[in-house]
Amino acid sequence: MITRCRKWLLAPAIVCLFVMLPQQGYASTPYEGYIWNTEGRDVRSINGYVHDRAIDGAYLPSGPFNGAEDLFIGPDDTVYVTDTGNNRIVHLSADDELIKVIGDTEGPGKLNGPKGVFVKEDGSVYVADTKNQRIALFDREGAFLKELTAPDSPLLGPGFSYSPSKLVVDNRDYLYVVSEGNTKGLMQIDGNGDFKGFFGSNDVPFNLRDFLVRLIATEEQKAKLPTVQALAFSNLAQDGKGFIYTTTLGTDVNQIKRLSPVGVDTLNRGANKYGDLISYGGPFQVASFEDISINPDGLITALNVTTSRVYQYDKLGNLLFVFGGNGDQDGVFTTPSSLAENAEGTIYVLDKARNRIDLFRTTPFADQVHEASRLYVNGRYDEAKAIWDEVIQLNGNYDIAYHAIGKALYKAEQYKDAMDYYRSANARGDYSEAFRQYRIEFVREHFAWFFSGAIVLFLGLRYGLPFLFRRIRRAKAIGGREGNPLKGEVEAS
């Protein structure tokens, strides 16, 4: 009786323990985790990132931010905030303490409406000083060094307006600059400020209606039609190998690109869509990616200001996580303007309307996915498979995991099992290839039986059938004589 009572008393405690465990592992968030599957539907997923803390300029000695536009995390994990409305760069430590303020003192280094910042390995600071129409350079201590004003080149064309807003600097000290209103591509400028050309321009979008109108329009009517131009880049980032990643506004495909050293997009083989694929309860809104960050493993994290959400993709462009949204709670944003990622994988999101920075840390689920993704994109399929198996146990909606396991099984020449996982991932092309290999393997394994059967069939057709036909004809002949016994006598007479 006492034992039975103990069991009844212990049962509620066990239930409470299981209810509490998920809350400890995954903190509650004001947004629901989801992911787009291979069928183009959004399905629930475990959150990859949760809100950790916020940095509010009002609590810093430098005072509140004012319409800050850009973030950059330096090689030492310190944070540079482009505080646009206050005409300065605010430099913070990894522990959210103020280190210094750059460009706020009177003199040649005073900034005016800066919108972008980049910091090199040696600590030198490059600022897109937008309203001053220049790039301002400062040393690691914040002292002004020099300026790179609007370049002079016939390649720019007449009336070119130089308004630098974002930039990166490569290991040759070449600058790649986004200039507001420029649709010809990134501006490539050397360390002396000389213009070297446009880099990686977007294609001019094709419009069937405009094409048909121009076919039938007169020359006078054509002169009045608006000029079709390529779309302008909105931001850029650089990975450790020197590839330039760009974001583009105003298009629903290939909004994110990875440009090779010769300016060719190496991320998109066709027309890829980034952001949300469809919209519920209203008209579809084209994703507007305002900023992008690339971590050492090639993970792409992009900020979509249309939905105020952050989208993270692997090196191949597969969606891993979505988080954020509109609102005034911790974890969502009012007007997000920039993002960056530190060495520990913490993502910083700048909200220029709330004048603060929100920090997001990874969940244990995201750590698993990141590790599996890192192994997978580096071709270590077998090592990744075990982790992807765990991911599926936690989230059965994660199509990427099924596809990755299918790839591992395919590489291991387990084609039949690979077909099952490719089917679950709705990977039709890979399924067809696995089926083709399985068919070849099946024939190879059963070749002896096929060969023996072919020999038997050949012998049957070559000798058996003629023999059978002769026997049938002989039987019919004998049967005919037995059925008419007078036939022989009549013929004899």
Protein backbone atom coordinates (compact mmCIF):
# COMPACT_ATOMS: atom_id res chain seq x y z
CA MET A 1 0.00 0.00 0.00
CA ILE A 2 2.82 2.40 0.88
CA THR A 3 4.63 1.58 -2.36
CA ARG A 4 1.47 2.27 -4.36
CA CYS A 5 1.00 5.65 -2.67
CA ARG A 6 4.59 6.60 -3.42
CA LYS A 7 4.02 5.88 -7.09
CA TRP A 8 0.94 8.09 -7.15
CA LEU A 9 2.85 10.90 -5.45
CA LEU A 10 5.85 10.54 -7.77
CA ALA A 11 3.84 10.63 -10.99
CA PRO A 12 2.90 14.37 -10.87
CA ALA A 13 6.52 15.24 -10.11
CA ILE A 14 7.71 13.34 -13.19
CA VAL A 15 5.10 15.08 -15.36
CA CYS A 16 6.19 18.48 -14.06
CA LEU A 17 9.83 17.64 -14.78
CA PHE A 18 9.09 16.78 -18.42
CA VAL A 19 7.04 19.95 -18.82
CA MET A 20 9.88 22.07 -17.44
CA LEU A 21 12.71 20.51 -19.49
CA PRO A 22 11.77 22.02 -22.88
CA GLN A 23 11.52 25.45 -21.26
CA GLN A 24 15.07 25.14 -20.00
CA GLY A 25 16.40 23.95 -23.36
CA TYR A 26 14.50 26.39 -25.57
CA ALA A 27 13.46 29.76 -24.17
CA SER A 28 10.10 31.18 -25.21
CA THR A 29 10.13 33.71 -28.03
CA PRO A 30 7.60 36.20 -29.44
CA TYR A 31 7.93 34.47 -32.82
CA GLU A 32 7.26 30.91 -33.97
CA GLY A 33 10.02 28.97 -35.62
CA TYR A 34 9.30 27.85 -39.18
CA ILE A 35 11.06 26.82 -42.33
CA TRP A 36 10.09 26.47 -46.00
CA ASN A 37 10.08 22.87 -47.16
CA THR A 38 10.94 21.61 -50.64
CA GLU A 39 7.26 21.73 -51.65
CA GLY A 40 7.17 25.49 -51.05
CA ARG A 41 5.14 25.32 -47.84
CA ASP A 42 6.02 26.80 -44.49
CA VAL A 43 6.20 24.20 -41.73
CA ARG A 44 6.89 24.53 -38.05
CA SER A 45 10.45 24.19 -36.86
CA ILE A 46 12.42 24.52 -33.65
CA ASN A 47 13.80 28.02 -33.19
CA GLY A 48 17.46 28.35 -34.07
CA TYR A 49 18.01 31.65 -32.26
CA VAL A 50 16.61 33.23 -29.11
CA HIS A 51 16.96 36.74 -27.76
CA ASP A 52 19.86 37.11 -25.36
CA ARG A 53 20.11 40.78 -24.43
CA ALA A 54 19.95 44.31 -25.84
CA ILE A 55 22.42 47.19 -26.01
CA ASP A 56 20.67 50.54 -25.61
CA GLY A 57 22.76 53.61 -26.34
CA ALA A 58 20.85 55.53 -23.67
CA TYR A 59 22.78 53.57 -21.04
CA LEU A 60 26.18 54.26 -22.60
CA PRO A 61 28.41 57.23 -21.68
CA SER A 62 28.21 58.34 -25.33
CA GLY A 63 24.45 58.78 -25.11
CA PRO A 64 21.59 57.31 -27.17
CA PHE A 65 21.92 56.31 -30.81
CA ASN A 66 20.03 58.28 -33.43
CA GLY A 67 18.86 56.48 -36.56
CA ALA A 68 21.90 54.20 -36.67
CA GLU A 69 22.29 52.54 -40.10
CA ASP A 70 25.13 50.02 -39.93
CA LEU A 71 26.96 47.51 -37.74
CA PHE A 72 30.37 45.94 -38.10
CA ILE A 73 32.11 43.47 -35.80
CA GLY A 74 35.88 43.79 -35.98
CA PRO A 75 38.54 41.07 -35.95
CA ASP A 76 38.77 41.39 -32.15
CA ASP A 77 34.98 40.95 -31.75
CA THR A 78 34.48 44.60 -30.83
CA VAL A 79 31.44 46.36 -32.27
CA TYR A 80 31.35 49.44 -34.51
CA VAL A 81 27.99 51.25 -34.78
CA THR A 82 27.40 53.73 -37.57
CA ASP A 83 25.36 56.24 -35.59
CA THR A 84 24.06 58.13 -38.62
CA GLY A 85 21.89 60.76 -36.95
CA ASN A 86 24.66 61.69 -34.53
CA ASN A 87 27.33 61.81 -37.28
CA ARG A 88 29.73 59.40 -35.59
CA ILE A 89 31.00 55.83 -35.21
CA VAL A 90 30.53 54.34 -31.73
CA HIS A 91 33.07 51.65 -30.83
CA LEU A 92 31.98 49.12 -28.17
CA SER A 93 33.77 46.24 -26.49
CA ALA A 94 32.51 42.65 -26.67
CA ASP A 95 31.15 43.25 -23.16
CA ASP A 96 29.03 46.21 -24.36
CA GLU A 97 31.32 48.84 -22.83
CA LEU A 98 32.18 52.07 -24.66
CA ILE A 99 35.73 52.13 -26.05
CA LYS A 100 35.71 55.33 -28.08
CA VAL A 101 33.74 57.54 -30.46
CA ILE A 102 35.10 58.22 -33.96
CA GLY A 103 34.46 61.18 -36.25
CA ASP A 104 32.52 63.45 -33.89
CA THR A 105 35.12 66.17 -33.34
CA GLU A 106 35.47 69.29 -35.44
CA GLY A 107 38.06 69.20 -38.19
CA PRO A 108 38.73 67.31 -41.43
CA GLY A 109 37.67 64.00 -39.85
CA LYS A 110 34.20 65.15 -38.80
CA LEU A 111 31.54 62.89 -40.28
CA ASN A 112 28.25 63.91 -41.82
CA GLY A 113 25.46 61.35 -42.07
CA PRO A 114 27.65 58.22 -42.36
CA LYS A 115 25.85 55.02 -43.42
CA GLY A 116 28.53 52.33 -43.48
CA VAL A 117 31.71 51.18 -41.76
CA PHE A 118 34.38 48.56 -42.40
CA VAL A 119 37.34 47.61 -40.19
CA LYS A 120 40.48 45.86 -41.48
CA GLU A 121 42.59 43.28 -39.66
CA ASP A 122 45.02 45.98 -38.54
CA GLY A 123 42.20 47.95 -36.92
CA SER A 124 42.05 50.77 -39.49
CA VAL A 125 38.51 52.08 -39.94
CA TYR A 126 36.89 52.96 -43.30
CA VAL A 127 33.69 55.00 -43.10
CA ALA A 128 31.18 55.64 -45.89
CA ASP A 129 30.71 59.32 -45.07
CA THR A 130 27.59 59.65 -47.17
CA LYS A 131 26.64 63.31 -46.97
CA ASN A 132 30.27 64.36 -47.30
CA GLN A 133 30.46 62.23 -50.47
CA ARG A 134 33.69 60.55 -49.44
CA ILE A 135 35.31 57.58 -47.72
CA ALA A 136 36.98 58.67 -44.46
CA LEU A 137 39.91 56.65 -43.07
CA PHE A 138 40.85 56.46 -39.39
CA ASP A 139 43.57 54.54 -37.57
CA ARG A 140 42.91 51.96 -34.86
CA GLU A 141 42.95 54.71 -32.21
CA GLY A 142 40.29 56.70 -34.07
CA ALA A 143 42.60 59.42 -35.43
CA PHE A 144 41.70 60.74 -38.88
CA LEU A 145 44.16 59.69 -41.61
CA LYS A 146 42.81 60.76 -44.98
CA GLU A 147 39.78 60.91 -47.23
CA LEU A 148 38.95 59.36 -50.59
CA THR A 149 36.66 61.81 -52.36
CA ALA A 150 34.53 61.26 -55.46
CA PRO A 151 36.69 59.60 -58.13
CA ASP A 152 37.18 61.29 -61.47
CA SER A 153 36.90 58.96 -64.46
CA PRO A 154 35.24 59.03 -67.90
CA LEU A 155 33.90 55.53 -67.09
CA LEU A 156 31.52 57.10 -64.61
CA GLY A 157 29.74 59.11 -67.27
CA PRO A 158 28.42 62.65 -67.10
CA GLY A 159 26.40 63.72 -64.10
CA PHE A 160 27.41 60.76 -61.94
CA SER A 161 26.41 61.36 -58.30
CA TYR A 162 28.79 59.86 -55.73
CA SER A 163 26.97 58.92 -52.54
CA PRO A 164 28.81 56.04 -50.79
CA SER A 165 26.66 54.13 -48.31
CA LYS A 166 28.29 50.70 -47.79
CA LEU A 167 31.77 49.30 -48.43
CA VAL A 168 34.24 46.47 -47.93
CA VAL A 169 38.03 46.46 -48.38
CA ASP A 170 39.98 43.46 -49.72
CA ASN A 171 43.54 42.38 -48.91
CA ARG A 172 44.89 44.54 -51.77
CA ASP A 173 43.32 47.64 -50.21
CA TYR A 174 40.80 47.77 -53.04
CA LEU A 175 37.46 49.20 -51.94
CA TYR A 176 34.11 47.86 -53.18
CA VAL A 177 31.55 50.58 -52.66
CA VAL A 178 27.76 50.77 -52.87
CA SER A 179 26.85 54.27 -54.04
CA GLU A 180 23.20 55.21 -53.60
CA GLY A 181 21.36 55.46 -56.92
CA ASN A 182 24.10 53.73 -58.89
CA THR A 183 22.74 50.86 -61.02
CA LYS A 184 25.99 49.98 -62.84
CA GLY A 185 27.39 47.71 -60.11
CA LEU A 186 29.76 48.02 -57.20
CA MET A 187 32.37 50.73 -57.55
CA GLN A 188 35.91 49.36 -57.41
CA ILE A 189 38.39 51.93 -56.05
CA ASP A 190 42.06 51.41 -55.21
CA GLY A 191 43.81 52.62 -52.06
CA ASN A 192 44.70 55.95 -53.70
CA GLY A 193 41.10 56.71 -54.55
CA ASP A 194 41.40 55.94 -58.28
CA PHE A 195 38.34 54.38 -59.92
CA LYS A 196 39.07 50.96 -61.43
CA GLY A 197 35.68 50.07 -62.86
CA PHE A 198 32.27 48.67 -62.00
CA PHE A 199 32.08 45.20 -60.52
CA GLY A 200 29.39 42.51 -60.71
CA SER A 201 26.45 44.56 -61.99
CA ASN A 202 22.93 43.13 -61.93
CA ASP A 203 21.26 42.13 -65.17
CA VAL A 204 18.62 44.38 -66.67
CA PRO A 205 15.27 42.69 -65.87
CA PHE A 206 13.27 41.47 -68.86
CA ASN A 207 9.69 42.72 -69.12
CA LEU A 208 7.53 41.13 -71.83
CA ARG A 209 5.05 44.01 -71.86
CA ASP A 210 7.77 46.63 -72.41
CA PHE A 211 9.33 44.44 -75.10
CA LEU A 212 6.03 44.19 -77.04
CA VAL A 213 5.35 47.91 -76.64
CA ARG A 214 8.76 48.77 -78.09
CA LEU A 215 8.13 46.49 -81.06
CA ILE A 216 5.10 48.48 -82.22
CA ALA A 217 5.95 51.95 -80.87
CA THR A 218 7.14 54.76 -83.12
CA GLU A 219 10.55 56.38 -82.58
CA GLU A 220 8.85 59.34 -80.94
CA GLN A 221 6.91 57.06 -78.59
CA LYS A 222 10.04 55.09 -77.76
CA ALA A 223 11.84 58.29 -76.77
CA LYS A 224 9.13 58.94 -74.17
CA LEU A 225 9.30 55.46 -72.65
CA PRO A 226 11.24 55.15 -69.37
CA THR A 227 14.76 53.73 -69.64
CA VAL A 228 15.05 50.21 -68.27
CA GLN A 229 17.99 49.94 -65.89
CA ALA A 230 19.59 47.25 -63.82
CA LEU A 231 18.68 47.11 -60.14
CA ALA A 232 21.05 48.67 -57.63
CA PHE A 233 22.81 46.77 -54.88
CA SER A 234 21.65 47.61 -51.37
CA ASN A 235 24.54 46.14 -49.36
CA LEU A 236 27.55 43.84 -49.48
CA ALA A 237 29.79 41.65 -47.35
CA GLN A 238 33.03 39.75 -47.85
CA ASP A 239 33.94 36.22 -46.77
CA GLY A 240 37.33 34.90 -45.73
CA LYS A 241 38.15 33.78 -49.28
CA GLY A 242 37.53 37.21 -50.79
CA PHE A 243 34.15 36.48 -52.37
CA ILE A 244 31.77 39.44 -52.33
CA TYR A 245 28.16 38.82 -51.29
CA THR A 246 25.53 41.35 -52.33
CA THR A 247 21.87 42.09 -51.66
CA THR A 248 19.49 43.65 -54.17
CA LEU A 249 16.15 45.36 -53.63
CA GLY A 250 13.15 45.30 -55.98
CA THR A 251 13.40 41.74 -57.28
CA ASP A 252 11.83 38.45 -56.17
CA VAL A 253 14.67 36.20 -57.39
CA ASN A 254 18.41 36.06 -56.70
CA GLN A 255 18.21 38.85 -54.13
CA ILE A 256 21.41 37.43 -52.65
CA LYS A 257 24.49 36.78 -54.79
CA ARG A 258 28.05 35.54 -54.26
CA LEU A 259 30.39 37.22 -56.71
CA SER A 260 33.65 35.60 -57.78
CA PRO A 261 36.83 37.66 -58.28
CA VAL A 262 35.66 38.32 -61.86
CA GLY A 263 32.16 39.39 -60.78
CA VAL A 264 30.24 36.21 -61.69
CA ASP A 265 27.43 34.98 -59.44
CA THR A 266 28.49 31.58 -58.05
CA LEU A 267 25.58 31.09 -55.62
CA ASN A 268 22.60 30.90 -57.97
CA ARG A 269 22.53 28.51 -60.91
CA GLY A 270 19.00 29.54 -61.81
CA ALA A 271 16.29 31.76 -60.38
CA ASN A 272 16.39 31.25 -56.61
CA LYS A 273 13.98 32.94 -54.24
CA TYR A 274 15.07 34.13 -50.82
CA GLY A 275 12.89 35.21 -47.92
CA ASP A 276 9.29 34.04 -47.61
CA LEU A 277 8.04 32.22 -50.69
CA ILE A 278 4.34 33.09 -50.30
CA SER A 279 2.24 35.42 -48.17
CA TYR A 280 -0.85 34.61 -46.13
CA GLY A 281 -3.68 37.04 -45.42
CA GLY A 282 -2.56 39.72 -47.88
CA PRO A 283 -0.68 40.49 -51.09
CA PHE A 284 2.72 38.95 -51.62
CA GLN A 285 5.55 41.22 -50.56
CA VAL A 286 8.91 40.99 -52.27
CA ALA A 287 11.74 40.41 -49.81
CA SER A 288 13.89 43.50 -49.27
CA PHE A 289 17.28 42.45 -47.94
CA GLU A 290 19.08 45.44 -46.45
CA ASP A 291 22.10 43.72 -44.93
CA ILE A 292 24.02 40.47 -45.04
CA SER A 293 26.70 38.72 -42.97
CA ILE A 294 28.93 35.74 -43.79
CA ASN A 295 30.54 33.65 -41.06
CA PRO A 296 33.76 31.61 -41.41
CA ASP A 297 31.78 28.45 -42.25
CA GLY A 298 30.01 30.22 -45.12
CA LEU A 299 26.64 30.60 -43.38
CA ILE A 300 24.69 33.47 -44.93
CA THR A 301 22.57 35.57 -42.58
CA ALA A 302 20.41 38.24 -44.22
CA LEU A 303 18.05 40.91 -42.90
CA ASN A 304 14.70 41.32 -44.69
CA VAL A 305 13.23 44.70 -43.76
CA THR A 306 9.90 43.88 -45.43
CA THR A 307 9.09 41.31 -42.76
CA SER A 308 11.62 42.47 -40.14
CA ARG A 309 12.91 38.90 -40.06
CA VAL A 310 16.37 37.40 -40.24
CA TYR A 311 16.93 34.49 -42.66
CA GLN A 312 19.91 32.18 -42.42
CA TYR A 313 21.12 29.99 -45.29
CA ASP A 314 23.91 27.49 -45.62
CA LYS A 315 26.80 27.88 -48.06
CA LEU A 316 24.70 26.30 -50.83
CA GLY A 317 21.74 28.62 -50.31
CA ASN A 318 19.51 26.21 -48.35
CA LEU A 319 17.32 27.88 -45.72
CA LEU A 320 18.25 26.87 -42.16
CA PHE A 321 16.43 29.27 -39.83
CA VAL A 322 14.10 32.26 -39.67
CA PHE A 323 13.65 34.49 -36.63
CA GLY A 324 12.44 37.93 -35.64
CA GLY A 325 9.43 39.88 -36.87
CA ASN A 326 7.58 43.15 -36.29
CA GLY A 327 6.86 44.31 -32.75
CA ASP A 328 8.22 46.02 -29.68
CA GLN A 329 9.05 42.97 -27.56
CA ASP A 330 12.50 41.54 -27.00
CA GLY A 331 13.28 39.39 -30.04
CA VAL A 332 11.33 41.39 -32.63
CA PHE A 333 12.02 44.72 -34.29
CA THR A 334 10.42 48.02 -35.24
CA THR A 335 12.77 49.15 -38.01
CA PRO A 336 15.80 46.88 -38.33
CA SER A 337 18.62 48.35 -40.40
CA SER A 338 21.71 46.14 -40.06
CA LEU A 339 23.12 42.91 -38.66
CA ALA A 340 26.48 41.30 -37.88
CA GLU A 341 27.79 38.08 -36.33
CA ASN A 342 30.62 37.65 -33.85
CA ALA A 343 33.11 34.80 -33.52
CA GLU A 344 30.87 32.90 -31.09
CA GLY A 345 27.94 32.90 -33.52
CA THR A 346 25.93 35.57 -31.69
CA ILE A 347 23.93 37.68 -34.14
CA TYR A 348 23.60 41.43 -33.54
CA VAL A 349 20.60 43.21 -35.10
CA LEU A 350 20.48 47.01 -35.14
CA ASP A 351 17.01 48.59 -34.76
CA LYS A 352 17.29 52.20 -35.83
CA ALA A 353 13.78 53.14 -34.68
CA ARG A 354 14.29 51.81 -31.14
CA ASN A 355 17.92 53.01 -31.12
CA ARG A 356 19.29 49.76 -29.79
CA ILE A 357 21.05 46.52 -30.72
CA ASP A 358 19.42 43.14 -30.03
CA LEU A 359 21.65 40.10 -29.54
CA PHE A 360 20.56 36.55 -30.40
CA ARG A 361 22.29 33.36 -29.33
CA THR A 362 21.99 29.92 -30.89
CA THR A 363 19.85 27.15 -29.42
CA PRO A 364 21.21 23.59 -29.00
CA PHE A 365 19.18 22.64 -32.08
CA ALA A 366 20.93 25.32 -34.16
CA ASP A 367 24.32 24.13 -32.91
CA GLN A 368 23.51 20.64 -34.20
CA VAL A 369 22.29 21.94 -37.56
CA HIS A 370 25.33 24.18 -37.98
CA GLU A 371 27.74 21.34 -37.26
CA ALA A 372 25.93 18.98 -39.62
CA SER A 373 25.79 21.67 -42.30
CA ARG A 374 29.50 22.43 -41.94
CA LEU A 375 30.41 18.78 -42.43
CA TYR A 376 27.93 18.39 -45.29
CA VAL A 377 29.04 21.36 -47.40
CA ASN A 378 32.67 20.25 -46.95
CA GLY A 379 31.82 16.85 -48.44
CA ARG A 380 32.09 14.90 -45.18
CA TYR A 381 28.70 13.27 -45.74
CA ASP A 382 29.21 10.19 -43.58
CA GLU A 383 30.23 12.24 -40.53
CA ALA A 384 27.30 14.58 -41.06
CA LYS A 385 24.79 11.74 -41.39
CA ALA A 386 24.79 10.84 -37.68
CA ILE A 387 24.03 14.45 -36.70
CA TRP A 388 21.35 14.82 -39.38
CA ASP A 389 19.71 11.69 -37.95
CA GLU A 390 19.49 13.45 -34.58
CA VAL A 391 18.08 16.57 -36.24
CA ILE A 392 15.28 14.52 -37.81
CA GLN A 393 14.47 12.98 -34.43
CA LEU A 394 14.00 16.51 -33.06
CA ASN A 395 12.27 17.98 -36.11
CA GLY A 396 10.67 15.69 -38.67
CA ASN A 397 9.87 18.67 -40.92
CA TYR A 398 13.52 19.43 -41.66
CA ASP A 399 13.74 18.47 -45.35
CA ILE A 400 17.39 19.48 -45.62
CA ALA A 401 18.30 16.70 -43.20
CA TYR A 402 16.53 14.07 -45.31
CA HIS A 403 18.29 15.30 -48.43
CA ALA A 404 21.68 15.34 -46.69
CA ILE A 405 21.23 11.79 -45.38
CA GLY A 406 20.17 10.72 -48.85
CA LYS A 407 23.39 12.20 -50.22
CA ALA A 408 25.45 10.34 -47.60
CA LEU A 409 23.75 7.04 -48.47
CA TYR A 410 24.20 7.71 -52.18
CA LYS A 411 27.93 8.32 -51.68
CA ALA A 412 28.07 5.06 -49.72
CA GLU A 413 26.43 3.33 -52.74
CA GLN A 414 23.34 2.47 -50.69
CA TYR A 415 21.10 3.57 -53.51
CA LYS A 416 17.82 1.97 -52.39
CA ASP A 417 18.01 3.61 -48.94
CA ALA A 418 19.06 6.89 -50.57
CA MET A 419 15.91 6.76 -52.72
CA ASP A 420 13.74 6.63 -49.58
CA TYR A 421 15.36 9.76 -48.11
CA TYR A 422 15.33 11.63 -51.42
CA ARG A 423 11.62 10.83 -51.69
CA SER A 424 11.03 12.28 -48.20
CA ALA A 425 12.98 15.41 -49.22
CA ASN A 426 11.02 15.67 -52.49
CA ALA A 427 14.36 15.75 -54.34
CA ARG A 428 13.15 14.42 -57.68
CA GLY A 429 16.38 14.84 -59.61
CA ASP A 430 18.51 13.12 -56.99
CA TYR A 431 15.87 10.39 -56.60
CA SER A 432 16.00 9.66 -60.33
CA GLU A 433 19.79 9.42 -60.25
CA ALA A 434 19.72 7.11 -57.21
CA PHE A 435 17.10 4.94 -58.95
CA ARG A 436 19.25 4.73 -62.08
CA GLN A 437 22.26 3.63 -60.03
CA TYR A 438 20.13 1.15 -58.08
CA ARG A 439 18.90 -0.39 -61.33
CA ILE A 440 22.48 -0.74 -62.61
CA GLU A 441 23.54 -2.30 -59.32
CA PHE A 442 20.59 -4.71 -59.35
CA VAL A 443 21.44 -5.90 -62.85
CA ARG A 444 25.11 -6.28 -61.90
CA GLU A 445 24.33 -8.33 -58.80
CA HIS A 446 21.92 -10.61 -60.69
CA PHE A 447 23.92 -10.79 -63.89
CA ALA A 448 24.55 -14.54 -63.60
CA TRP A 449 20.83 -15.21 -63.39
CA PHE A 450 20.10 -12.83 -66.24
CA PHE A 451 22.86 -14.39 -68.34
CA SER A 452 21.71 -17.94 -67.63
CA GLY A 453 18.14 -16.96 -68.40
CA ALA A 454 19.23 -15.36 -71.65
CA ILE A 455 21.09 -18.54 -72.68
CA VAL A 456 18.08 -20.69 -71.85
CA LEU A 457 15.84 -18.33 -73.78
CA PHE A 458 18.19 -18.38 -76.77
CA LEU A 459 18.42 -22.17 -76.81
CA GLY A 460 14.68 -22.42 -76.45
CA LEU A 461 14.07 -20.09 -79.36
CA ARG A 462 16.83 -21.60 -81.50
CA TYR A 463 16.19 -25.30 -80.96
CA GLY A 464 13.21 -25.79 -78.71
CA LEU A 465 10.58 -24.01 -80.75
CA PRO A 466 11.45 -25.67 -84.09
CA PHE A 467 11.44 -29.07 -82.36
CA LEU A 468 8.09 -28.28 -80.74
CA PHE A 469 6.56 -27.19 -84.06
CA ARG A 470 7.74 -30.39 -85.76
CA ARG A 471 6.17 -32.49 -83.03
CA ILE A 472 2.89 -30.59 -83.36
CA ARG A 473 2.80 -31.03 -87.15
CA ARG A 474 3.61 -34.77 -86.83
CA ALA A 475 0.87 -35.22 -84.22
CA LYS A 476 -1.64 -33.48 -86.46
CA ALA A 477 -0.63 -35.69 -89.41
CA ILE A 478 -1.00 -38.88 -87.40
CA GLY A 479 -4.27 -37.70 -85.98
CA GLY A 480 -5.60 -36.99 -89.46
CA ARG A 481 -4.88 -40.52 -90.70
CA GLU A 482 -6.44 -42.13 -87.65
CA GLY A 483 -9.59 -40.10 -88.09
CA ASN A 484 -10.14 -41.36 -91.77
CA PRO A 485 -9.09 -45.09 -92.13
CA LEU A 486 -10.48 -45.41 -95.70
CA LYS A 487 -8.25 -42.62 -96.91
CA GLY A 488 -5.33 -44.98 -97.45
CA GLU A 489 -7.43 -47.58 -99.30
CA VAL A 490 -8.91 -45.01 -101.66
CA GLU A 491 -5.48 -43.68 -102.47
CA ALA A 492 -4.18 -47.22 -103.08
CA SER A 493 -6.94 -48.05 -105.55
